[in-house]
Amino acid sequence: MVDPLMGRFKNETGERNLLLVFSNKTNGRIEVRKWVDRFTALLEMEGKGKTTGPVVCDKNGIILQ
């Protein structure tokens, strides 16, 4: 599975495009594809599919740590 990421990363200046390569399932049987698909669907449902800002944040846009 290849996942494209676009934007600003780790307080860098400028934007970058990254391609992350994952296996569909890890040796520990974690189903990576399933969770990426669910997370993507959640972002789309929240209307964050094409917006700027942190991916994992609260409803006010504050980064969750």
PDB file of N, CA and C in Angstrom:
ATOM      1  N   MET A   1       0.854  -1.152   0.000  1.00  0.00           N
ATOM      2  CA  MET A   1       0.000   0.000   0.000  1.00  0.00           C
ATOM      3  C   MET A   1       0.912   1.230   0.000  1.00  0.00           C
ATOM      4  N   VAL A   2       0.616   2.193  -0.870  1.00  0.00           N
ATOM      5  CA  VAL A   2       1.358   3.444  -0.932  1.00  0.00           C
ATOM      6  C   VAL A   2       0.411   4.565  -0.535  1.00  0.00           C
ATOM      7  N   ASP A   3       0.840   5.392   0.415  1.00  0.00           N
ATOM      8  CA  ASP A   3       0.018   6.485   0.914  1.00  0.00           C
ATOM      9  C   ASP A   3       0.713   7.810   0.635  1.00  0.00           C
ATOM     10  N   PRO A   4       0.126   8.680  -0.194  1.00  0.00           N
ATOM     11  CA  PRO A   4       0.753   9.979  -0.434  1.00  0.00           C
ATOM     12  C   PRO A   4       0.389  10.973   0.665  1.00  0.00           C
ATOM     13  N   LEU A   5       1.359  11.739   1.105  1.00  0.00           N
ATOM     14  CA  LEU A   5       1.135  12.809   2.077  1.00  0.00           C
ATOM     15  C   LEU A   5       1.641  14.101   1.455  1.00  0.00           C
ATOM     16  N   MET A   6       0.871  15.155   1.593  1.00  0.00           N
ATOM     17  CA  MET A   6       1.269  16.438   1.024  1.00  0.00           C
ATOM     18  C   MET A   6       1.115  17.517   2.075  1.00  0.00           C
ATOM     19  N   GLY A   7       2.097  18.390   2.193  1.00  0.00           N
ATOM     20  CA  GLY A   7       1.964  19.490   3.124  1.00  0.00           C
ATOM     21  C   GLY A   7       3.254  19.830   3.829  1.00  0.00           C
ATOM     22  N   ARG A   8       3.101  20.484   4.951  1.00  0.00           N
ATOM     23  CA  ARG A   8       4.231  20.928   5.753  1.00  0.00           C
ATOM     24  C   ARG A   8       4.420  19.926   6.887  1.00  0.00           C
ATOM     25  N   PHE A   9       5.656  19.526   7.104  1.00  0.00           N
ATOM     26  CA  PHE A   9       5.936  18.494   8.093  1.00  0.00           C
ATOM     27  C   PHE A   9       6.919  18.997   9.142  1.00  0.00           C
ATOM     28  N   LYS A  10       6.641  18.720  10.380  1.00  0.00           N
ATOM     29  CA  LYS A  10       7.527  19.003  11.515  1.00  0.00           C
ATOM     30  C   LYS A  10       8.074  20.425  11.485  1.00  0.00           C
ATOM     31  N   ASN A  11       7.190  21.386  11.382  1.00  0.00           N
ATOM     32  CA  ASN A  11       7.552  22.801  11.410  1.00  0.00           C
ATOM     33  C   ASN A  11       8.530  23.221  10.319  1.00  0.00           C
ATOM     34  N   GLU A  12       8.560  22.495   9.210  1.00  0.00           N
ATOM     35  CA  GLU A  12       9.417  22.876   8.093  1.00  0.00           C
ATOM     36  C   GLU A  12       8.824  24.083   7.389  1.00  0.00           C
ATOM     37  N   THR A  13       9.660  24.807   6.666  1.00  0.00           N
ATOM     38  CA  THR A  13       9.135  25.874   5.829  1.00  0.00           C
ATOM     39  C   THR A  13       8.926  25.289   4.437  1.00  0.00           C
ATOM     40  N   GLY A  14       7.861  25.680   3.789  1.00  0.00           N
ATOM     41  CA  GLY A  14       7.544  25.110   2.487  1.00  0.00           C
ATOM     42  C   GLY A  14       6.777  23.816   2.627  1.00  0.00           C
ATOM     43  N   GLU A  15       6.294  23.334   1.518  1.00  0.00           N
ATOM     44  CA  GLU A  15       5.506  22.100   1.535  1.00  0.00           C
ATOM     45  C   GLU A  15       6.232  21.013   0.762  1.00  0.00           C
ATOM     46  N   ARG A  16       5.955  19.779   1.144  1.00  0.00           N
ATOM     47  CA  ARG A  16       6.595  18.632   0.503  1.00  0.00           C
ATOM     48  C   ARG A  16       5.553  17.589   0.166  1.00  0.00           C
ATOM     49  N   ASN A  17       5.920  16.729  -0.735  1.00  0.00           N
ATOM     50  CA  ASN A  17       5.109  15.555  -1.051  1.00  0.00           C
ATOM     51  C   ASN A  17       5.910  14.325  -0.639  1.00  0.00           C
ATOM     52  N   LEU A  18       5.287  13.447   0.107  1.00  0.00           N
ATOM     53  CA  LEU A  18       5.938  12.215   0.557  1.00  0.00           C
ATOM     54  C   LEU A  18       5.101  11.022   0.128  1.00  0.00           C
ATOM     55  N   LEU A  19       5.765   9.927  -0.167  1.00  0.00           N
ATOM     56  CA  LEU A  19       5.080   8.665  -0.407  1.00  0.00           C
ATOM     57  C   LEU A  19       5.528   7.687   0.672  1.00  0.00           C
ATOM     58  N   LEU A  20       4.588   7.200   1.459  1.00  0.00           N
ATOM     59  CA  LEU A  20       4.882   6.211   2.493  1.00  0.00           C
ATOM     60  C   LEU A  20       4.429   4.850   1.996  1.00  0.00           C
ATOM     61  N   VAL A  21       5.292   3.874   2.138  1.00  0.00           N
ATOM     62  CA  VAL A  21       4.978   2.520   1.688  1.00  0.00           C
ATOM     63  C   VAL A  21       4.768   1.641   2.912  1.00  0.00           C
ATOM     64  N   PHE A  22       3.598   0.980   2.964  1.00  0.00           N
ATOM     65  CA  PHE A  22       3.243   0.094   4.075  1.00  0.00           C
ATOM     66  C   PHE A  22       2.885  -1.281   3.527  1.00  0.00           C
ATOM     67  N   SER A  23       3.065  -2.296   4.348  1.00  0.00           N
ATOM     68  CA  SER A  23       2.477  -3.583   4.013  1.00  0.00           C
ATOM     69  C   SER A  23       1.015  -3.538   4.455  1.00  0.00           C
ATOM     70  N   ASN A  24       0.172  -4.347   3.861  1.00  0.00           N
ATOM     71  CA  ASN A  24      -1.238  -4.362   4.229  1.00  0.00           C
ATOM     72  C   ASN A  24      -1.451  -4.858   5.656  1.00  0.00           C
ATOM     73  N   LYS A  25      -0.590  -5.756   6.085  1.00  0.00           N
ATOM     74  CA  LYS A  25      -0.711  -6.338   7.428  1.00  0.00           C
ATOM     75  C   LYS A  25       0.692  -6.573   7.965  1.00  0.00           C
ATOM     76  N   THR A  26       0.923  -6.251   9.237  1.00  0.00           N
ATOM     77  CA  THR A  26       2.245  -6.451   9.830  1.00  0.00           C
ATOM     78  C   THR A  26       2.414  -7.893  10.279  1.00  0.00           C
ATOM     79  N   ASN A  27       3.638  -8.241  10.652  1.00  0.00           N
ATOM     80  CA  ASN A  27       3.892  -9.588  11.182  1.00  0.00           C
ATOM     81  C   ASN A  27       3.100  -9.826  12.461  1.00  0.00           C
ATOM     82  N   GLY A  28       2.809  -8.735  13.186  1.00  0.00           N
ATOM     83  CA  GLY A  28       2.014  -8.838  14.408  1.00  0.00           C
ATOM     84  C   GLY A  28       0.510  -8.826  14.124  1.00  0.00           C
ATOM     85  N   ARG A  29       0.148  -8.960  12.869  1.00  0.00           N
ATOM     86  CA  ARG A  29      -1.248  -9.042  12.402  1.00  0.00           C
ATOM     87  C   ARG A  29      -2.039  -7.743  12.550  1.00  0.00           C
ATOM     88  N   ILE A  30      -1.349  -6.612  12.625  1.00  0.00           N
ATOM     89  CA  ILE A  30      -2.061  -5.333  12.617  1.00  0.00           C
ATOM     90  C   ILE A  30      -2.454  -5.048  11.173  1.00  0.00           C
ATOM     91  N   GLU A  31      -3.721  -4.795  10.946  1.00  0.00           N
ATOM     92  CA  GLU A  31      -4.229  -4.570   9.598  1.00  0.00           C
ATOM     93  C   GLU A  31      -4.093  -3.081   9.239  1.00  0.00           C
ATOM     94  N   VAL A  32      -2.915  -2.722   8.743  1.00  0.00           N
ATOM     95  CA  VAL A  32      -2.582  -1.328   8.458  1.00  0.00           C
ATOM     96  C   VAL A  32      -3.569  -0.727   7.457  1.00  0.00           C
ATOM     97  N   ARG A  33      -3.845  -1.421   6.362  1.00  0.00           N
ATOM     98  CA  ARG A  33      -4.740  -0.889   5.333  1.00  0.00           C
ATOM     99  C   ARG A  33      -6.118  -0.578   5.898  1.00  0.00           C
ATOM    100  N   LYS A  34      -6.645  -1.464   6.730  1.00  0.00           N
ATOM    101  CA  LYS A  34      -7.970  -1.249   7.310  1.00  0.00           C
ATOM    102  C   LYS A  34      -7.999   0.038   8.122  1.00  0.00           C
ATOM    103  N   TRP A  35      -6.972   0.270   8.941  1.00  0.00           N
ATOM    104  CA  TRP A  35      -6.958   1.438   9.807  1.00  0.00           C
ATOM    105  C   TRP A  35      -6.700   2.727   9.034  1.00  0.00           C
ATOM    106  N   VAL A  36      -5.873   2.677   8.008  1.00  0.00           N
ATOM    107  CA  VAL A  36      -5.663   3.865   7.170  1.00  0.00           C
ATOM    108  C   VAL A  36      -6.957   4.209   6.442  1.00  0.00           C
ATOM    109  N   ASP A  37      -7.655   3.200   5.923  1.00  0.00           N
ATOM    110  CA  ASP A  37      -8.930   3.437   5.236  1.00  0.00           C
ATOM    111  C   ASP A  37      -9.965   4.024   6.188  1.00  0.00           C
ATOM    112  N   ARG A  38     -10.033   3.524   7.403  1.00  0.00           N
ATOM    113  CA  ARG A  38     -10.996   4.050   8.383  1.00  0.00           C
ATOM    114  C   ARG A  38     -10.661   5.492   8.770  1.00  0.00           C
ATOM    115  N   PHE A  39      -9.374   5.758   8.958  1.00  0.00           N
ATOM    116  CA  PHE A  39      -8.941   7.098   9.326  1.00  0.00           C
ATOM    117  C   PHE A  39      -9.237   8.088   8.204  1.00  0.00           C
ATOM    118  N   THR A  40      -8.978   7.669   6.968  1.00  0.00           N
ATOM    119  CA  THR A  40      -9.265   8.509   5.804  1.00  0.00           C
ATOM    120  C   THR A  40     -10.758   8.795   5.706  1.00  0.00           C
ATOM    121  N   ALA A  41     -11.586   7.783   5.913  1.00  0.00           N
ATOM    122  CA  ALA A  41     -13.045   7.965   5.865  1.00  0.00           C
ATOM    123  C   ALA A  41     -13.501   8.929   6.953  1.00  0.00           C
ATOM    124  N   LEU A  42     -12.909   8.848   8.136  1.00  0.00           N
ATOM    125  CA  LEU A  42     -13.260   9.748   9.233  1.00  0.00           C
ATOM    126  C   LEU A  42     -12.916  11.192   8.878  1.00  0.00           C
ATOM    127  N   LEU A  43     -11.729  11.415   8.313  1.00  0.00           N
ATOM    128  CA  LEU A  43     -11.345  12.769   7.912  1.00  0.00           C
ATOM    129  C   LEU A  43     -12.295  13.318   6.846  1.00  0.00           C
ATOM    130  N   GLU A  44     -12.676  12.472   5.886  1.00  0.00           N
ATOM    131  CA  GLU A  44     -13.622  12.896   4.848  1.00  0.00           C
ATOM    132  C   GLU A  44     -14.967  13.255   5.481  1.00  0.00           C
ATOM    133  N   MET A  45     -15.430  12.449   6.417  1.00  0.00           N
ATOM    134  CA  MET A  45     -16.711  12.668   7.074  1.00  0.00           C
ATOM    135  C   MET A  45     -16.697  13.989   7.864  1.00  0.00           C
ATOM    136  N   GLU A  46     -15.541  14.334   8.441  1.00  0.00           N
ATOM    137  CA  GLU A  46     -15.404  15.578   9.202  1.00  0.00           C
ATOM    138  C   GLU A  46     -15.143  16.780   8.298  1.00  0.00           C
ATOM    139  N   GLY A  47     -15.054  16.541   6.989  1.00  0.00           N
ATOM    140  CA  GLY A  47     -14.797  17.630   6.056  1.00  0.00           C
ATOM    141  C   GLY A  47     -13.351  18.086   6.027  1.00  0.00           C
ATOM    142  N   LYS A  48     -12.435  17.230   6.491  1.00  0.00           N
ATOM    143  CA  LYS A  48     -11.015  17.590   6.542  1.00  0.00           C
ATOM    144  C   LYS A  48     -10.217  16.920   5.434  1.00  0.00           C
ATOM    145  N   GLY A  49     -10.899  16.419   4.419  1.00  0.00           N
ATOM    146  CA  GLY A  49     -10.216  15.678   3.365  1.00  0.00           C
ATOM    147  C   GLY A  49      -9.214  16.490   2.584  1.00  0.00           C
ATOM    148  N   LYS A  50      -9.468  17.779   2.388  1.00  0.00           N
ATOM    149  CA  LYS A  50      -8.556  18.592   1.574  1.00  0.00           C
ATOM    150  C   LYS A  50      -8.210  19.906   2.242  1.00  0.00           C
ATOM    151  N   THR A  51      -8.222  19.930   3.553  1.00  0.00           N
ATOM    152  CA  THR A  51      -7.907  21.163   4.268  1.00  0.00           C
ATOM    153  C   THR A  51      -6.472  21.136   4.767  1.00  0.00           C
ATOM    154  N   THR A  52      -5.988  22.275   5.183  1.00  0.00           N
ATOM    155  CA  THR A  52      -4.651  22.328   5.760  1.00  0.00           C
ATOM    156  C   THR A  52      -4.764  22.252   7.276  1.00  0.00           C
ATOM    157  N   GLY A  53      -3.701  21.846   7.904  1.00  0.00           N
ATOM    158  CA  GLY A  53      -3.685  21.732   9.352  1.00  0.00           C
ATOM    159  C   GLY A  53      -3.276  20.341   9.778  1.00  0.00           C
ATOM    160  N   PRO A  54      -3.180  20.132  11.073  1.00  0.00           N
ATOM    161  CA  PRO A  54      -2.743  18.821  11.563  1.00  0.00           C
ATOM    162  C   PRO A  54      -3.771  17.741  11.270  1.00  0.00           C
ATOM    163  N   VAL A  55      -3.292  16.526  11.070  1.00  0.00           N
ATOM    164  CA  VAL A  55      -4.187  15.411  10.780  1.00  0.00           C
ATOM    165  C   VAL A  55      -4.891  14.953  12.050  1.00  0.00           C
ATOM    166  N   VAL A  56      -4.146  14.802  13.130  1.00  0.00           N
ATOM    167  CA  VAL A  56      -4.722  14.319  14.380  1.00  0.00           C
ATOM    168  C   VAL A  56      -4.867  15.514  15.319  1.00  0.00           C
ATOM    169  N   CYS A  57      -6.092  16.016  15.443  1.00  0.00           N
ATOM    170  CA  CYS A  57      -6.340  17.186  16.268  1.00  0.00           C
ATOM    171  C   CYS A  57      -7.739  17.121  16.866  1.00  0.00           C
ATOM    172  N   ASP A  58      -7.997  18.007  17.809  1.00  0.00           N
ATOM    173  CA  ASP A  58      -9.354  18.075  18.374  1.00  0.00           C
ATOM    174  C   ASP A  58     -10.239  18.926  17.463  1.00  0.00           C
ATOM    175  N   LYS A  59     -11.480  19.147  17.845  1.00  0.00           N
ATOM    176  CA  LYS A  59     -12.430  19.860  16.982  1.00  0.00           C
ATOM    177  C   LYS A  59     -12.031  21.315  16.750  1.00  0.00           C
ATOM    178  N   ASN A  60     -11.148  21.853  17.599  1.00  0.00           N
ATOM    179  CA  ASN A  60     -10.675  23.232  17.437  1.00  0.00           C
ATOM    180  C   ASN A  60      -9.376  23.324  16.634  1.00  0.00           C
ATOM    181  N   GLY A  61      -8.873  22.192  16.181  1.00  0.00           N
ATOM    182  CA  GLY A  61      -7.639  22.186  15.394  1.00  0.00           C
ATOM    183  C   GLY A  61      -6.374  22.127  16.226  1.00  0.00           C
ATOM    184  N   ILE A  62      -6.501  21.880  17.529  1.00  0.00           N
ATOM    185  CA  ILE A  62      -5.327  21.778  18.398  1.00  0.00           C
ATOM    186  C   ILE A  62      -4.762  20.355  18.272  1.00  0.00           C
ATOM    187  N   ILE A  63      -3.451  20.272  18.048  1.00  0.00           N
ATOM    188  CA  ILE A  63      -2.789  18.972  17.848  1.00  0.00           C
ATOM    189  C   ILE A  63      -2.934  18.115  19.099  1.00  0.00           C
ATOM    190  N   LEU A  64      -3.336  16.868  18.923  1.00  0.00           N
ATOM    191  CA  LEU A  64      -3.420  15.915  20.037  1.00  0.00           C
ATOM    192  C   LEU A  64      -2.047  15.268  20.226  1.00  0.00           C
ATOM    193  N   GLN A  65      -1.628  15.161  21.482  1.00  0.00           N
ATOM    194  CA  GLN A  65      -0.323  14.564  21.751  1.00  0.00           C
ATOM    195  C   GLN A  65      -0.446  13.422  22.717  1.00  0.00           C
TER     196      GLN A  65
END
